[in-house]
Amino acid sequence: QVQLVESGGGLVQAGGSLRLSCAASGLTFSRNAMGWFRQAPGKEREFVAAIIWSGSTTYYADSVKGRFTISRDNSKNAVYLQMSSLNPEDPATYYCAADRAVGALPTTDYEYDYWGQGTQVTVSS
């Protein structure tokens, strides 16, 4: 049974930083592309960042490029999202996702096969 468990969300002041973590189990983690998505109330879920199985290639939404960094530690079956310079457009529930396709780097939610339950990020002004 595949499980993705996010953690690290919380309340942060505008301009501050947070680091989200996602612990994976039940899958061959080192073969999966991993992604982060977010969904704010009343809005559709949107792509944030993705990282290929080896960690050698990453991709970011324009809205977070230069502020967020995705990384992974295959020895720990974990993926991370370091978020900096948080602004009032960043609050949302953040989800990590895993893709079964080896070698892919998907950026749309329908390409991902497994999802976590989400962690809430709130930014105060």
Protein backbone atom coordinates (compact mmCIF):
# COMPACT_ATOMS: atom_id res chain seq x y z
CA GLN A 1 0.00 0.00 0.00
CA VAL A 2 1.47 3.30 -1.10
CA GLN A 3 1.51 6.10 1.44
CA LEU A 4 2.70 9.65 1.07
CA VAL A 5 2.73 11.71 4.24
CA GLU A 6 3.44 15.42 4.14
CA SER A 7 4.64 17.46 7.07
CA GLY A 8 6.16 20.84 7.80
CA GLY A 9 3.27 23.12 7.03
CA GLY A 10 2.27 25.92 9.36
CA LEU A 11 1.97 29.65 9.81
CA VAL A 12 4.76 31.89 8.64
CA GLN A 13 5.13 35.62 8.14
CA ALA A 14 5.33 37.04 4.67
CA GLY A 15 8.90 36.89 3.50
CA GLY A 16 9.60 33.90 5.69
CA SER A 17 10.52 30.31 4.90
CA LEU A 18 9.15 26.84 5.43
CA ARG A 19 10.40 23.41 4.52
CA LEU A 20 7.86 20.78 3.60
CA SER A 21 8.68 17.09 3.75
CA CYS A 22 6.99 14.10 2.20
CA ALA A 23 7.73 10.60 3.44
CA ALA A 24 6.93 7.81 1.01
CA SER A 25 6.35 4.13 1.62
CA GLY A 26 5.05 1.18 -0.34
CA LEU A 27 6.70 2.09 -3.62
CA THR A 28 10.12 1.85 -5.24
CA PHE A 29 10.78 5.46 -4.39
CA SER A 30 14.06 5.80 -6.24
CA ARG A 31 12.30 5.10 -9.54
CA ASN A 32 9.47 7.60 -9.14
CA ALA A 33 9.25 11.19 -10.19
CA MET A 34 7.85 13.26 -7.35
CA GLY A 35 5.88 16.44 -7.47
CA TRP A 36 4.41 19.11 -5.26
CA PHE A 37 1.05 20.70 -5.94
CA ARG A 38 -1.04 23.16 -4.02
CA GLN A 39 -4.66 24.12 -3.78
CA ALA A 40 -6.03 27.29 -2.25
CA PRO A 41 -9.68 27.59 -1.19
CA GLY A 42 -11.92 28.17 -4.18
CA LYS A 43 -9.12 27.52 -6.65
CA GLU A 44 -8.02 24.58 -8.71
CA ARG A 45 -5.08 22.47 -7.72
CA GLU A 46 -1.92 23.79 -9.36
CA PHE A 47 1.50 22.43 -10.08
CA VAL A 48 4.35 23.76 -7.96
CA ALA A 49 7.47 21.68 -8.62
CA ALA A 50 8.65 18.27 -9.78
CA ILE A 51 11.84 16.26 -9.52
CA ILE A 52 12.96 13.31 -11.58
CA TRP A 53 13.81 9.97 -9.96
CA SER A 54 17.54 10.72 -9.75
CA GLY A 55 17.15 14.27 -8.56
CA SER A 56 19.18 15.53 -11.50
CA THR A 57 16.31 17.39 -13.13
CA THR A 58 13.72 19.66 -11.60
CA TYR A 59 10.93 21.83 -12.92
CA TYR A 60 9.06 24.71 -11.33
CA ALA A 61 5.95 26.72 -11.87
CA ASP A 62 6.80 30.28 -12.86
CA SER A 63 5.09 31.57 -9.75
CA VAL A 64 7.61 29.86 -7.45
CA LYS A 65 10.74 29.80 -9.58
CA GLY A 66 13.66 31.25 -7.69
CA ARG A 67 11.85 31.03 -4.36
CA PHE A 68 11.11 27.32 -3.94
CA THR A 69 13.50 24.39 -4.21
CA ILE A 70 12.49 20.77 -4.58
CA SER A 71 14.90 18.05 -3.53
CA ARG A 72 14.86 14.38 -2.64
CA ASP A 73 16.77 11.87 -0.58
CA ASN A 74 16.26 8.43 -2.06
CA SER A 75 18.01 6.82 0.90
CA LYS A 76 15.25 8.17 3.13
CA ASN A 77 12.35 7.82 0.67
CA ALA A 78 11.68 11.51 1.11
CA VAL A 79 11.08 14.57 -1.01
CA TYR A 80 11.29 18.13 0.22
CA LEU A 81 10.07 21.55 -0.77
CA GLN A 82 12.08 24.45 0.61
CA MET A 83 9.95 27.56 0.35
CA SER A 84 11.44 31.02 0.77
CA SER A 85 10.17 34.57 0.36
CA LEU A 86 6.64 33.38 1.01
CA ASN A 87 3.99 35.84 -0.06
CA PRO A 88 0.22 36.20 0.26
CA GLU A 89 -0.30 34.18 -2.95
CA ASP A 90 1.37 31.09 -1.51
CA PRO A 91 -1.11 29.99 1.19
CA ALA A 92 -2.70 26.69 0.27
CA THR A 93 -2.82 23.05 1.10
CA TYR A 94 0.33 21.53 -0.33
CA TYR A 95 0.30 17.98 -1.63
CA CYS A 96 3.09 15.69 -2.68
CA ALA A 97 2.51 13.18 -5.42
CA ALA A 98 4.33 10.23 -6.96
CA ASP A 99 4.37 9.08 -10.56
CA ARG A 100 4.87 5.40 -11.40
CA ALA A 101 6.36 6.09 -14.82
CA VAL A 102 10.12 5.73 -14.75
CA GLY A 103 12.03 8.57 -16.34
CA ALA A 104 9.12 10.95 -16.50
CA LEU A 105 8.90 14.45 -15.08
CA PRO A 106 5.20 15.22 -15.10
CA THR A 107 3.79 18.65 -14.39
CA THR A 108 0.06 17.95 -14.53
CA ASP A 109 -1.89 16.36 -11.72
CA TYR A 110 -3.52 13.68 -13.86
CA GLU A 111 -0.10 12.19 -14.62
CA TYR A 112 0.53 11.37 -10.96
CA ASP A 113 -0.65 8.12 -9.48
CA TYR A 114 -0.37 8.60 -5.73
CA TRP A 115 -1.15 11.53 -3.48
CA GLY A 116 -0.61 12.54 0.10
CA GLN A 117 -3.24 14.03 2.36
CA GLY A 118 -1.76 17.52 2.24
CA THR A 119 -0.24 19.99 4.67
CA GLN A 120 -1.53 23.49 5.22
CA VAL A 121 0.62 26.56 4.65
CA THR A 122 -0.58 29.92 5.92
CA VAL A 123 1.19 33.22 5.35
CA SER A 124 0.50 36.22 7.55
CA SER A 125 1.07 39.72 6.27
